[in-house]
PDB file of all heavy atoms in Angstrom:
ATOM      1  N   GLN A   1     117.502  72.771 179.541  1.00  0.00           N
ATOM      2  CA  GLN A   1     116.583  72.370 178.459  1.00  0.00           C
ATOM      3  C   GLN A   1     116.304  70.867 178.484  1.00  0.00           C
ATOM      4  O   GLN A   1     115.614  70.348 177.598  1.00  0.00           O
ATOM      5  CB  GLN A   1     117.150  72.783 177.091  1.00  0.00           C
ATOM      6  CG  GLN A   1     117.326  74.278 176.913  1.00  0.00           C
ATOM      7  CD  GLN A   1     116.059  75.037 177.263  1.00  0.00           C
ATOM      8  OE1 GLN A   1     114.960  74.683 176.852  1.00  0.00           O
ATOM      9  NE2 GLN A   1     116.212  76.095 178.079  1.00  0.00           N
ATOM     10  N   ASP A   2     116.879  70.199 179.487  1.00  0.00           N
ATOM     11  CA  ASP A   2     116.648  68.762 179.656  1.00  0.00           C
ATOM     12  C   ASP A   2     117.074  67.973 178.411  1.00  0.00           C
ATOM     13  O   ASP A   2     116.365  67.051 177.971  1.00  0.00           O
ATOM     14  CB  ASP A   2     115.157  68.522 179.985  1.00  0.00           C
ATOM     15  CG  ASP A   2     114.941  67.147 180.589  1.00  0.00           C
ATOM     16  OD1 ASP A   2     115.922  66.584 181.134  1.00  0.00           O
ATOM     17  OD2 ASP A   2     113.818  66.619 180.500  1.00  0.00           O
ATOM     18  N   LEU A   3     118.215  68.343 177.858  1.00  0.00           N
ATOM     19  CA  LEU A   3     118.720  67.625 176.679  1.00  0.00           C
ATOM     20  C   LEU A   3     119.480  66.385 177.140  1.00  0.00           C
ATOM     21  O   LEU A   3     120.256  66.443 178.102  1.00  0.00           O
ATOM     22  CB  LEU A   3     119.635  68.532 175.842  1.00  0.00           C
ATOM     23  CG  LEU A   3     118.973  69.800 175.271  1.00  0.00           C
ATOM     24  CD1 LEU A   3     119.980  70.633 174.499  1.00  0.00           C
ATOM     25  CD2 LEU A   3     117.787  69.456 174.380  1.00  0.00           C
ATOM     26  N   VAL A   4     119.292  65.300 176.432  1.00  0.00           N
ATOM     27  CA  VAL A   4     119.868  64.005 176.822  1.00  0.00           C
ATOM     28  C   VAL A   4     121.399  64.041 176.855  1.00  0.00           C
ATOM     29  O   VAL A   4     122.051  63.239 177.508  1.00  0.00           O
ATOM     30  CB  VAL A   4     119.351  62.896 175.865  1.00  0.00           C
ATOM     31  CG1 VAL A   4     119.853  63.110 174.450  1.00  0.00           C
ATOM     32  CG2 VAL A   4     119.733  61.511 176.350  1.00  0.00           C
ATOM     33  N   THR A   5     121.992  65.026 176.146  1.00  0.00           N
ATOM     34  CA  THR A   5     123.457  65.102 176.034  1.00  0.00           C
ATOM     35  C   THR A   5     124.104  65.961 177.125  1.00  0.00           C
ATOM     36  O   THR A   5     125.320  66.122 177.133  1.00  0.00           O
ATOM     37  CB  THR A   5     123.832  65.695 174.667  1.00  0.00           C
ATOM     38  OG1 THR A   5     123.107  66.936 174.501  1.00  0.00           O
ATOM     39  CG2 THR A   5     123.464  64.754 173.532  1.00  0.00           C
ATOM     40  N   ALA A   6     123.293  66.511 178.033  1.00  0.00           N
ATOM     41  CA  ALA A   6     123.803  67.491 179.014  1.00  0.00           C
ATOM     42  C   ALA A   6     125.025  67.006 179.790  1.00  0.00           C
ATOM     43  O   ALA A   6     125.975  67.752 180.018  1.00  0.00           O
ATOM     44  CB  ALA A   6     122.697  67.896 179.979  1.00  0.00           C
ATOM     45  N   GLU A   7     125.016  65.743 180.190  1.00  0.00           N
ATOM     46  CA  GLU A   7     126.114  65.210 181.008  1.00  0.00           C
ATOM     47  C   GLU A   7     127.085  64.358 180.199  1.00  0.00           C
ATOM     48  O   GLU A   7     128.008  63.764 180.752  1.00  0.00           O
ATOM     49  CB  GLU A   7     125.539  64.339 182.144  1.00  0.00           C
ATOM     50  CG  GLU A   7     124.633  65.082 183.108  1.00  0.00           C
ATOM     51  CD  GLU A   7     125.388  66.109 183.919  1.00  0.00           C
ATOM     52  OE1 GLU A   7     126.464  65.777 184.432  1.00  0.00           O
ATOM     53  OE2 GLU A   7     124.916  67.263 184.002  1.00  0.00           O
ATOM     54  N   LYS A   8     126.852  64.258 178.894  1.00  0.00           N
ATOM     55  CA  LYS A   8     127.640  63.332 178.069  1.00  0.00           C
ATOM     56  C   LYS A   8     129.093  63.769 177.984  1.00  0.00           C
ATOM     57  O   LYS A   8     129.402  64.946 177.805  1.00  0.00           O
ATOM     58  CB  LYS A   8     127.030  63.274 176.661  1.00  0.00           C
ATOM     59  CG  LYS A   8     127.572  62.161 175.806  1.00  0.00           C
ATOM     60  CD  LYS A   8     126.709  61.988 174.558  1.00  0.00           C
ATOM     61  CE  LYS A   8     127.318  60.988 173.617  1.00  0.00           C
ATOM     62  NZ  LYS A   8     126.504  60.821 172.409  1.00  0.00           N
ATOM     63  N   LYS A   9     129.995  62.784 178.117  1.00  0.00           N
ATOM     64  CA  LYS A   9     131.430  63.082 178.041  1.00  0.00           C
ATOM     65  C   LYS A   9     131.786  63.556 176.635  1.00  0.00           C
ATOM     66  O   LYS A   9     131.190  63.126 175.661  1.00  0.00           O
ATOM     67  CB  LYS A   9     132.239  61.814 178.340  1.00  0.00           C
ATOM     68  CG  LYS A   9     132.471  61.621 179.819  1.00  0.00           C
ATOM     69  CD  LYS A   9     133.505  60.595 180.219  1.00  0.00           C
ATOM     70  CE  LYS A   9     134.256  59.866 179.135  1.00  0.00           C
ATOM     71  NZ  LYS A   9     134.630  58.506 179.563  1.00  0.00           N
ATOM     72  N   ASP A  10     132.808  64.419 176.548  1.00  0.00           N
ATOM     73  CA  ASP A  10     133.279  64.864 175.234  1.00  0.00           C
ATOM     74  C   ASP A  10     133.921  63.694 174.508  1.00  0.00           C
ATOM     75  O   ASP A  10     134.622  62.887 175.118  1.00  0.00           O
ATOM     76  CB  ASP A  10     134.315  65.987 175.379  1.00  0.00           C
ATOM     77  CG  ASP A  10     133.667  67.274 175.879  1.00  0.00           C
ATOM     78  OD1 ASP A  10     132.429  67.336 175.895  1.00  0.00           O
ATOM     79  OD2 ASP A  10     134.401  68.196 176.262  1.00  0.00           O
ATOM     80  N   SER A  11     133.690  63.619 173.211  1.00  0.00           N
ATOM     81  CA  SER A  11     134.276  62.497 172.458  1.00  0.00           C
ATOM     82  C   SER A  11     135.758  62.748 172.249  1.00  0.00           C
ATOM     83  O   SER A  11     136.200  63.878 172.091  1.00  0.00           O
ATOM     84  CB  SER A  11     133.591  62.343 171.105  1.00  0.00           C
ATOM     85  OG  SER A  11     133.923  63.437 170.278  1.00  0.00           O
ATOM     86  N   GLN A  12     136.517  61.660 172.309  1.00  0.00           N
ATOM     87  CA  GLN A  12     137.958  61.726 172.072  1.00  0.00           C
ATOM     88  C   GLN A  12     138.227  60.782 170.925  1.00  0.00           C
ATOM     89  O   GLN A  12     137.910  59.620 171.024  1.00  0.00           O
ATOM     90  CB  GLN A  12     138.725  61.209 173.289  1.00  0.00           C
ATOM     91  CG  GLN A  12     138.494  62.012 174.539  1.00  0.00           C
ATOM     92  CD  GLN A  12     139.193  63.337 174.498  1.00  0.00           C
ATOM     93  OE1 GLN A  12     140.314  63.428 174.031  1.00  0.00           O
ATOM     94  NE2 GLN A  12     138.539  64.381 174.934  1.00  0.00           N
ATOM     95  N   GLY A  13     138.801  61.259 169.874  1.00  0.00           N
ATOM     96  CA  GLY A  13     139.122  60.306 168.823  1.00  0.00           C
ATOM     97  C   GLY A  13     138.997  60.931 167.467  1.00  0.00           C
ATOM     98  O   GLY A  13     138.707  62.109 167.343  1.00  0.00           O
ATOM     99  N   LEU A  14     139.214  60.139 166.456  1.00  0.00           N
ATOM    100  CA  LEU A  14     139.147  60.643 165.096  1.00  0.00           C
ATOM    101  C   LEU A  14     137.788  61.264 164.882  1.00  0.00           C
ATOM    102  O   LEU A  14     136.782  60.687 165.239  1.00  0.00           O
ATOM    103  CB  LEU A  14     139.320  59.503 164.094  1.00  0.00           C
ATOM    104  CG  LEU A  14     140.721  58.964 163.900  1.00  0.00           C
ATOM    105  CD1 LEU A  14     140.742  58.087 162.671  1.00  0.00           C
ATOM    106  CD2 LEU A  14     141.707  60.087 163.716  1.00  0.00           C
ATOM    107  N   CYS A  15     137.801  62.420 164.268  1.00  0.00           N
ATOM    108  CA  CYS A  15     136.604  63.159 163.945  1.00  0.00           C
ATOM    109  C   CYS A  15     135.432  62.245 163.579  1.00  0.00           C
ATOM    110  O   CYS A  15     135.429  61.642 162.514  1.00  0.00           O
ATOM    111  CB  CYS A  15     136.984  64.046 162.767  1.00  0.00           C
ATOM    112  SG  CYS A  15     135.664  64.872 161.984  1.00  0.00           S
ATOM    113  N   PHE A  16     134.479  62.126 164.475  1.00  0.00           N
ATOM    114  CA  PHE A  16     133.234  61.389 164.209  1.00  0.00           C
ATOM    115  C   PHE A  16     133.393  59.883 164.031  1.00  0.00           C
ATOM    116  O   PHE A  16     132.482  59.232 163.585  1.00  0.00           O
ATOM    117  CB  PHE A  16     132.515  61.940 162.970  1.00  0.00           C
ATOM    118  CG  PHE A  16     131.724  63.161 163.271  1.00  0.00           C
ATOM    119  CD1 PHE A  16     132.233  64.406 162.985  1.00  0.00           C
ATOM    120  CD2 PHE A  16     130.488  63.074 163.867  1.00  0.00           C
ATOM    121  CE1 PHE A  16     131.504  65.548 163.273  1.00  0.00           C
ATOM    122  CE2 PHE A  16     129.753  64.209 164.162  1.00  0.00           C
ATOM    123  CZ  PHE A  16     130.264  65.442 163.864  1.00  0.00           C
ATOM    124  N   ILE A  17     134.550  59.323 164.295  1.00  0.00           N
ATOM    125  CA  ILE A  17     134.676  57.867 164.173  1.00  0.00           C
ATOM    126  C   ILE A  17     134.702  57.241 165.549  1.00  0.00           C
ATOM    127  O   ILE A  17     134.210  56.164 165.769  1.00  0.00           O
ATOM    128  CB  ILE A  17     135.987  57.464 163.456  1.00  0.00           C
ATOM    129  CG1 ILE A  17     135.968  57.958 162.029  1.00  0.00           C
ATOM    130  CG2 ILE A  17     136.126  55.957 163.432  1.00  0.00           C
ATOM    131  CD1 ILE A  17     137.176  57.550 161.263  1.00  0.00           C
ATOM    132  N   GLY A  18     135.318  57.942 166.482  1.00  0.00           N
ATOM    133  CA  GLY A  18     135.468  57.363 167.804  1.00  0.00           C
ATOM    134  C   GLY A  18     136.917  57.022 168.049  1.00  0.00           C
ATOM    135  O   GLY A  18     137.788  57.318 167.245  1.00  0.00           O
ATOM    136  N   LYS A  19     137.160  56.423 169.173  1.00  0.00           N
ATOM    137  CA  LYS A  19     138.544  56.092 169.510  1.00  0.00           C
ATOM    138  C   LYS A  19     139.054  54.982 168.611  1.00  0.00           C
ATOM    139  O   LYS A  19     138.404  53.957 168.452  1.00  0.00           O
ATOM    140  CB  LYS A  19     138.630  55.654 170.965  1.00  0.00           C
ATOM    141  CG  LYS A  19     138.641  56.828 171.918  1.00  0.00           C
ATOM    142  CD  LYS A  19     139.218  56.423 173.247  1.00  0.00           C
ATOM    143  CE  LYS A  19     139.401  57.652 174.129  1.00  0.00           C
ATOM    144  NZ  LYS A  19     139.842  57.300 175.455  1.00  0.00           N
ATOM    145  N   VAL A  20     140.203  55.196 168.047  1.00  0.00           N
ATOM    146  CA  VAL A  20     140.777  54.216 167.130  1.00  0.00           C
ATOM    147  C   VAL A  20     142.113  53.751 167.692  1.00  0.00           C
ATOM    148  O   VAL A  20     142.900  54.559 168.175  1.00  0.00           O
ATOM    149  CB  VAL A  20     140.982  54.866 165.737  1.00  0.00           C
ATOM    150  CG1 VAL A  20     141.835  53.995 164.849  1.00  0.00           C
ATOM    151  CG2 VAL A  20     139.637  55.120 165.076  1.00  0.00           C
ATOM    152  N   ARG A  21     142.367  52.461 167.644  1.00  0.00           N
ATOM    153  CA  ARG A  21     143.680  51.949 168.045  1.00  0.00           C
ATOM    154  C   ARG A  21     144.617  52.189 166.871  1.00  0.00           C
ATOM    155  O   ARG A  21     144.526  51.499 165.851  1.00  0.00           O
ATOM    156  CB  ARG A  21     143.599  50.448 168.330  1.00  0.00           C
ATOM    157  CG  ARG A  21     142.743  50.077 169.513  1.00  0.00           C
ATOM    158  CD  ARG A  21     142.917  48.582 169.808  1.00  0.00           C
ATOM    159  NE  ARG A  21     142.024  48.136 170.854  1.00  0.00           N
ATOM    160  CZ  ARG A  21     140.782  47.689 170.641  1.00  0.00           C
ATOM    161  NH1 ARG A  21     140.302  47.624 169.419  1.00  0.00           N
ATOM    162  NH2 ARG A  21     140.039  47.275 171.648  1.00  0.00           N
ATOM    163  N   LEU A  22     145.496  53.149 167.013  1.00  0.00           N
ATOM    164  CA  LEU A  22     146.287  53.573 165.866  1.00  0.00           C
ATOM    165  C   LEU A  22     147.145  52.466 165.252  1.00  0.00           C
ATOM    166  O   LEU A  22     147.124  52.287 164.034  1.00  0.00           O
ATOM    167  CB  LEU A  22     147.129  54.800 166.226  1.00  0.00           C
ATOM    168  CG  LEU A  22     147.505  55.666 165.023  1.00  0.00           C
ATOM    169  CD1 LEU A  22     146.283  56.170 164.278  1.00  0.00           C
ATOM    170  CD2 LEU A  22     148.364  56.817 165.437  1.00  0.00           C
ATOM    171  N   PRO A  23     147.905  51.700 166.041  1.00  0.00           N
ATOM    172  CA  PRO A  23     148.712  50.656 165.397  1.00  0.00           C
ATOM    173  C   PRO A  23     147.859  49.672 164.584  1.00  0.00           C
ATOM    174  O   PRO A  23     148.184  49.354 163.455  1.00  0.00           O
ATOM    175  CB  PRO A  23     149.404  49.956 166.563  1.00  0.00           C
ATOM    176  CG  PRO A  23     149.434  50.983 167.645  1.00  0.00           C
ATOM    177  CD  PRO A  23     148.170  51.777 167.475  1.00  0.00           C
ATOM    178  N   GLU A  24     146.715  49.230 165.169  1.00  0.00           N
ATOM    179  CA  GLU A  24     145.856  48.299 164.435  1.00  0.00           C
ATOM    180  C   GLU A  24     145.291  48.956 163.186  1.00  0.00           C
ATOM    181  O   GLU A  24     145.174  48.354 162.132  1.00  0.00           O
ATOM    182  CB  GLU A  24     144.685  47.808 165.312  1.00  0.00           C
ATOM    183  CG  GLU A  24     145.075  46.757 166.323  1.00  0.00           C
ATOM    184  CD  GLU A  24     145.347  47.364 167.679  1.00  0.00           C
ATOM    185  OE1 GLU A  24     145.909  48.473 167.725  1.00  0.00           O
ATOM    186  OE2 GLU A  24     145.013  46.726 168.693  1.00  0.00           O
ATOM    187  N   PHE A  25     144.930  50.235 163.346  1.00  0.00           N
ATOM    188  CA  PHE A  25     144.403  51.000 162.218  1.00  0.00           C
ATOM    189  C   PHE A  25     145.430  51.034 161.084  1.00  0.00           C
ATOM    190  O   PHE A  25     145.125  50.743 159.932  1.00  0.00           O
ATOM    191  CB  PHE A  25     144.079  52.415 162.713  1.00  0.00           C
ATOM    192  CG  PHE A  25     143.725  53.384 161.626  1.00  0.00           C
ATOM    193  CD1 PHE A  25     142.510  53.315 160.972  1.00  0.00           C
ATOM    194  CD2 PHE A  25     144.608  54.399 161.273  1.00  0.00           C
ATOM    195  CE1 PHE A  25     142.187  54.229 159.978  1.00  0.00           C
ATOM    196  CE2 PHE A  25     144.290  55.309 160.286  1.00  0.00           C
ATOM    197  CZ  PHE A  25     143.066  55.219 159.640  1.00  0.00           C
ATOM    198  N   LEU A  26     146.676  51.353 161.432  1.00  0.00           N
ATOM    199  CA  LEU A  26     147.715  51.470 160.416  1.00  0.00           C
ATOM    200  C   LEU A  26     148.113  50.104 159.856  1.00  0.00           C
ATOM    201  O   LEU A  26     148.470  49.981 158.679  1.00  0.00           O
ATOM    202  CB  LEU A  26     148.944  52.171 161.005  1.00  0.00           C
ATOM    203  CG  LEU A  26     148.724  53.636 161.388  1.00  0.00           C
ATOM    204  CD1 LEU A  26     149.929  54.188 162.119  1.00  0.00           C
ATOM    205  CD2 LEU A  26     148.433  54.484 160.160  1.00  0.00           C
ATOM    206  N   GLN A  27     148.030  49.074 160.692  1.00  0.00           N
ATOM    207  CA  GLN A  27     148.451  47.737 160.247  1.00  0.00           C
ATOM    208  C   GLN A  27     147.546  47.182 159.162  1.00  0.00           C
ATOM    209  O   GLN A  27     147.916  46.232 158.483  1.00  0.00           O
ATOM    210  CB  GLN A  27     148.500  46.772 161.437  1.00  0.00           C
ATOM    211  CG  GLN A  27     149.840  46.821 162.158  1.00  0.00           C
ATOM    212  CD  GLN A  27     149.824  46.102 163.492  1.00  0.00           C
ATOM    213  OE1 GLN A  27     148.926  45.316 163.756  1.00  0.00           O
ATOM    214  NE2 GLN A  27     150.798  46.394 164.326  1.00  0.00           N
ATOM    215  N   GLN A  28     146.353  47.763 159.011  1.00  0.00           N
ATOM    216  CA  GLN A  28     145.481  47.294 157.937  1.00  0.00           C
ATOM    217  C   GLN A  28     146.156  47.444 156.584  1.00  0.00           C
ATOM    218  O   GLN A  28     145.921  46.678 155.671  1.00  0.00           O
ATOM    219  CB  GLN A  28     144.204  48.131 157.893  1.00  0.00           C
ATOM    220  CG  GLN A  28     143.329  47.941 159.082  1.00  0.00           C
ATOM    221  CD  GLN A  28     142.036  48.684 158.858  1.00  0.00           C
ATOM    222  OE1 GLN A  28     142.042  49.784 158.327  1.00  0.00           O
ATOM    223  NE2 GLN A  28     140.941  48.084 159.211  1.00  0.00           N
ATOM    224  N   LYS A  29     146.938  48.504 156.456  1.00  0.00           N
ATOM    225  CA  LYS A  29     147.570  48.760 155.161  1.00  0.00           C
ATOM    226  C   LYS A  29     149.084  48.737 155.231  1.00  0.00           C
ATOM    227  O   LYS A  29     149.746  48.382 154.272  1.00  0.00           O
ATOM    228  CB  LYS A  29     147.127  50.133 154.643  1.00  0.00           C
ATOM    229  CG  LYS A  29     145.876  50.093 153.835  1.00  0.00           C
ATOM    230  CD  LYS A  29     145.955  51.143 152.746  1.00  0.00           C
ATOM    231  CE  LYS A  29     144.776  51.017 151.804  1.00  0.00           C
ATOM    232  NZ  LYS A  29     144.598  52.226 151.004  1.00  0.00           N
ATOM    233  N   LEU A  30     149.626  49.184 156.362  1.00  0.00           N
ATOM    234  CA  LEU A  30     151.075  49.282 156.480  1.00  0.00           C
ATOM    235  C   LEU A  30     151.575  48.064 157.254  1.00  0.00           C
ATOM    236  O   LEU A  30     151.299  47.926 158.440  1.00  0.00           O
ATOM    237  CB  LEU A  30     151.466  50.580 157.205  1.00  0.00           C
ATOM    238  CG  LEU A  30     150.830  51.870 156.653  1.00  0.00           C
ATOM    239  CD1 LEU A  30     151.272  53.073 157.471  1.00  0.00           C
ATOM    240  CD2 LEU A  30     151.188  52.085 155.191  1.00  0.00           C
ATOM    241  N   GLN A  31     152.254  47.196 156.570  1.00  0.00           N
ATOM    242  CA  GLN A  31     152.685  45.933 157.186  1.00  0.00           C
ATOM    243  C   GLN A  31     153.745  46.174 158.261  1.00  0.00           C
ATOM    244  O   GLN A  31     154.609  47.029 158.093  1.00  0.00           O
ATOM    245  CB  GLN A  31     153.276  45.000 156.112  1.00  0.00           C
ATOM    246  CG  GLN A  31     152.264  44.550 155.069  1.00  0.00           C
ATOM    247  CD  GLN A  31     151.043  43.897 155.700  1.00  0.00           C
ATOM    248  OE1 GLN A  31     151.163  43.030 156.547  1.00  0.00           O
ATOM    249  NE2 GLN A  31     149.853  44.340 155.299  1.00  0.00           N
ATOM    250  N   PRO A  32     153.699  45.399 159.364  1.00  0.00           N
ATOM    251  CA  PRO A  32     154.769  45.483 160.365  1.00  0.00           C
ATOM    252  C   PRO A  32     156.111  45.130 159.722  1.00  0.00           C
ATOM    253  O   PRO A  32     156.175  44.288 158.828  1.00  0.00           O
ATOM    254  CB  PRO A  32     154.379  44.417 161.394  1.00  0.00           C
ATOM    255  CG  PRO A  32     152.917  44.215 161.215  1.00  0.00           C
ATOM    256  CD  PRO A  32     152.649  44.454 159.763  1.00  0.00           C
ATOM    257  N   LYS A  33     157.158  45.833 160.153  1.00  0.00           N
ATOM    258  CA  LYS A  33     158.488  45.600 159.584  1.00  0.00           C
ATOM    259  C   LYS A  33     159.495  45.890 160.688  1.00  0.00           C
ATOM    260  O   LYS A  33     159.636  47.038 161.106  1.00  0.00           O
ATOM    261  CB  LYS A  33     158.673  46.559 158.400  1.00  0.00           C
ATOM    262  CG  LYS A  33     159.896  46.263 157.551  1.00  0.00           C
ATOM    263  CD  LYS A  33     159.804  46.994 156.204  1.00  0.00           C
ATOM    264  CE  LYS A  33     160.488  48.342 156.250  1.00  0.00           C
ATOM    265  NZ  LYS A  33     160.476  49.088 155.002  1.00  0.00           N
ATOM    266  N   GLU A  34     160.150  44.849 161.176  1.00  0.00           N
ATOM    267  CA  GLU A  34     161.049  45.032 162.314  1.00  0.00           C
ATOM    268  C   GLU A  34     162.267  45.884 161.977  1.00  0.00           C
ATOM    269  O   GLU A  34     162.825  45.774 160.887  1.00  0.00           O
ATOM    270  CB  GLU A  34     161.510  43.660 162.833  1.00  0.00           C
ATOM    271  CG  GLU A  34     160.840  43.305 164.157  1.00  0.00           C
ATOM    272  CD  GLU A  34     161.525  42.139 164.850  1.00  0.00           C
ATOM    273  OE1 GLU A  34     162.619  42.357 165.392  1.00  0.00           O
ATOM    274  OE2 GLU A  34     160.960  41.038 164.820  1.00  0.00           O
ATOM    275  N   GLY A  35     162.647  46.725 162.929  1.00  0.00           N
ATOM    276  CA  GLY A  35     163.830  47.555 162.729  1.00  0.00           C
ATOM    277  C   GLY A  35     164.429  47.946 164.067  1.00  0.00           C
ATOM    278  O   GLY A  35     163.921  47.571 165.129  1.00  0.00           O
ATOM    279  N   ASP A  36     165.496  48.719 164.017  1.00  0.00           N
ATOM    280  CA  ASP A  36     166.234  49.077 165.239  1.00  0.00           C
ATOM    281  C   ASP A  36     165.733  50.376 165.863  1.00  0.00           C
ATOM    282  O   ASP A  36     165.323  51.306 165.166  1.00  0.00           O
ATOM    283  CB  ASP A  36     167.728  49.253 164.914  1.00  0.00           C
ATOM    284  CG  ASP A  36     168.408  47.915 164.606  1.00  0.00           C
ATOM    285  OD1 ASP A  36     167.860  46.880 165.028  1.00  0.00           O
ATOM    286  OD2 ASP A  36     169.460  47.917 163.928  1.00  0.00           O
ATOM    287  N   ILE A  37     165.801  50.407 167.202  1.00  0.00           N
ATOM    288  CA  ILE A  37     165.634  51.650 167.948  1.00  0.00           C
ATOM    289  C   ILE A  37     167.032  52.075 168.376  1.00  0.00           C
ATOM    290  O   ILE A  37     167.752  51.308 169.018  1.00  0.00           O
ATOM    291  CB  ILE A  37     164.752  51.449 169.197  1.00  0.00           C
ATOM    292  CG1 ILE A  37     163.354  50.960 168.793  1.00  0.00           C
ATOM    293  CG2 ILE A  37     164.659  52.749 169.994  1.00  0.00           C
ATOM    294  CD1 ILE A  37     162.462  50.594 169.976  1.00  0.00           C
ATOM    295  N   VAL A  38     167.428  53.278 167.991  1.00  0.00           N
ATOM    296  CA  VAL A  38     168.779  53.765 168.274  1.00  0.00           C
ATOM    297  C   VAL A  38     168.688  54.978 169.198  1.00  0.00           C
ATOM    298  O   VAL A  38     167.873  55.876 168.973  1.00  0.00           O
ATOM    299  CB  VAL A  38     169.504  54.148 166.956  1.00  0.00           C
ATOM    300  CG1 VAL A  38     170.858  54.804 167.241  1.00  0.00           C
ATOM    301  CG2 VAL A  38     169.681  52.913 166.069  1.00  0.00           C
ATOM    302  N   GLU A  39     169.507  54.981 170.244  1.00  0.00           N
ATOM    303  CA  GLU A  39     169.532  56.141 171.143  1.00  0.00           C
ATOM    304  C   GLU A  39     170.694  57.046 170.785  1.00  0.00           C
ATOM    305  O   GLU A  39     171.842  56.611 170.674  1.00  0.00           O
ATOM    306  CB  GLU A  39     169.680  55.676 172.594  1.00  0.00           C
ATOM    307  CG  GLU A  39     169.615  56.852 173.574  1.00  0.00           C
ATOM    308  CD  GLU A  39     170.042  56.489 174.994  1.00  0.00           C
ATOM    309  OE1 GLU A  39     169.877  55.318 175.396  1.00  0.00           O
ATOM    310  OE2 GLU A  39     170.550  57.394 175.692  1.00  0.00           O
ATOM    311  N   ILE A  40     170.376  58.330 170.577  1.00  0.00           N
ATOM    312  CA  ILE A  40     171.400  59.339 170.248  1.00  0.00           C
ATOM    313  C   ILE A  40     171.723  60.125 171.520  1.00  0.00           C
ATOM    314  O   ILE A  40     170.811  60.694 172.143  1.00  0.00           O
ATOM    315  CB  ILE A  40     170.870  60.311 169.153  1.00  0.00           C
ATOM    316  CG1 ILE A  40     170.461  59.552 167.878  1.00  0.00           C
ATOM    317  CG2 ILE A  40     171.900  61.401 168.851  1.00  0.00           C
ATOM    318  CD1 ILE A  40     171.591  58.969 167.061  1.00  0.00           C
ATOM    319  N   PRO A  41     172.990  60.183 171.926  1.00  0.00           N
ATOM    320  CA  PRO A  41     173.321  60.917 173.165  1.00  0.00           C
ATOM    321  C   PRO A  41     173.153  62.425 172.982  1.00  0.00           C
ATOM    322  O   PRO A  41     173.373  62.961 171.890  1.00  0.00           O
ATOM    323  CB  PRO A  41     174.794  60.554 173.409  1.00  0.00           C
ATOM    324  CG  PRO A  41     175.328  60.090 172.092  1.00  0.00           C
ATOM    325  CD  PRO A  41     174.167  59.548 171.294  1.00  0.00           C
ATOM    326  N   ALA A  42     172.754  63.096 174.056  1.00  0.00           N
ATOM    327  CA  ALA A  42     172.558  64.549 174.008  1.00  0.00           C
ATOM    328  C   ALA A  42     173.875  65.280 173.766  1.00  0.00           C
ATOM    329  O   ALA A  42     173.893  66.440 173.352  1.00  0.00           O
ATOM    330  CB  ALA A  42     171.927  65.024 175.315  1.00  0.00           C
ATOM    331  N   SER A  43     175.003  64.579 174.010  1.00  0.00           N
ATOM    332  CA  SER A  43     176.315  65.209 173.839  1.00  0.00           C
ATOM    333  C   SER A  43     176.792  65.176 172.382  1.00  0.00           C
ATOM    334  O   SER A  43     177.859  65.696 172.064  1.00  0.00           O
ATOM    335  CB  SER A  43     177.339  64.484 174.710  1.00  0.00           C
ATOM    336  OG  SER A  43     177.347  63.090 174.377  1.00  0.00           O
ATOM    337  N   GLU A  44     176.001  64.559 171.501  1.00  0.00           N
ATOM    338  CA  GLU A  44     176.381  64.460 170.081  1.00  0.00           C
ATOM    339  C   GLU A  44     176.778  65.846 169.540  1.00  0.00           C
ATOM    340  O   GLU A  44     176.121  66.859 169.804  1.00  0.00           O
ATOM    341  CB  GLU A  44     175.196  63.882 169.295  1.00  0.00           C
ATOM    342  CG  GLU A  44     175.348  63.833 167.787  1.00  0.00           C
ATOM    343  CD  GLU A  44     176.485  62.941 167.314  1.00  0.00           C
ATOM    344  OE1 GLU A  44     176.781  61.920 167.986  1.00  0.00           O
ATOM    345  OE2 GLU A  44     177.068  63.284 166.282  1.00  0.00           O
TER     346      GLU A  44
END
């Protein structure tokens, strides 16, 4: 049908917004707060 969208890539991202950088998106409201990363052994 010669539609302009025939070869267009599928959109990836938030519904109708586009690709969003999640950390930056969340940082708008949720302030960075340093904390620990702890590894739990599988033998626990």
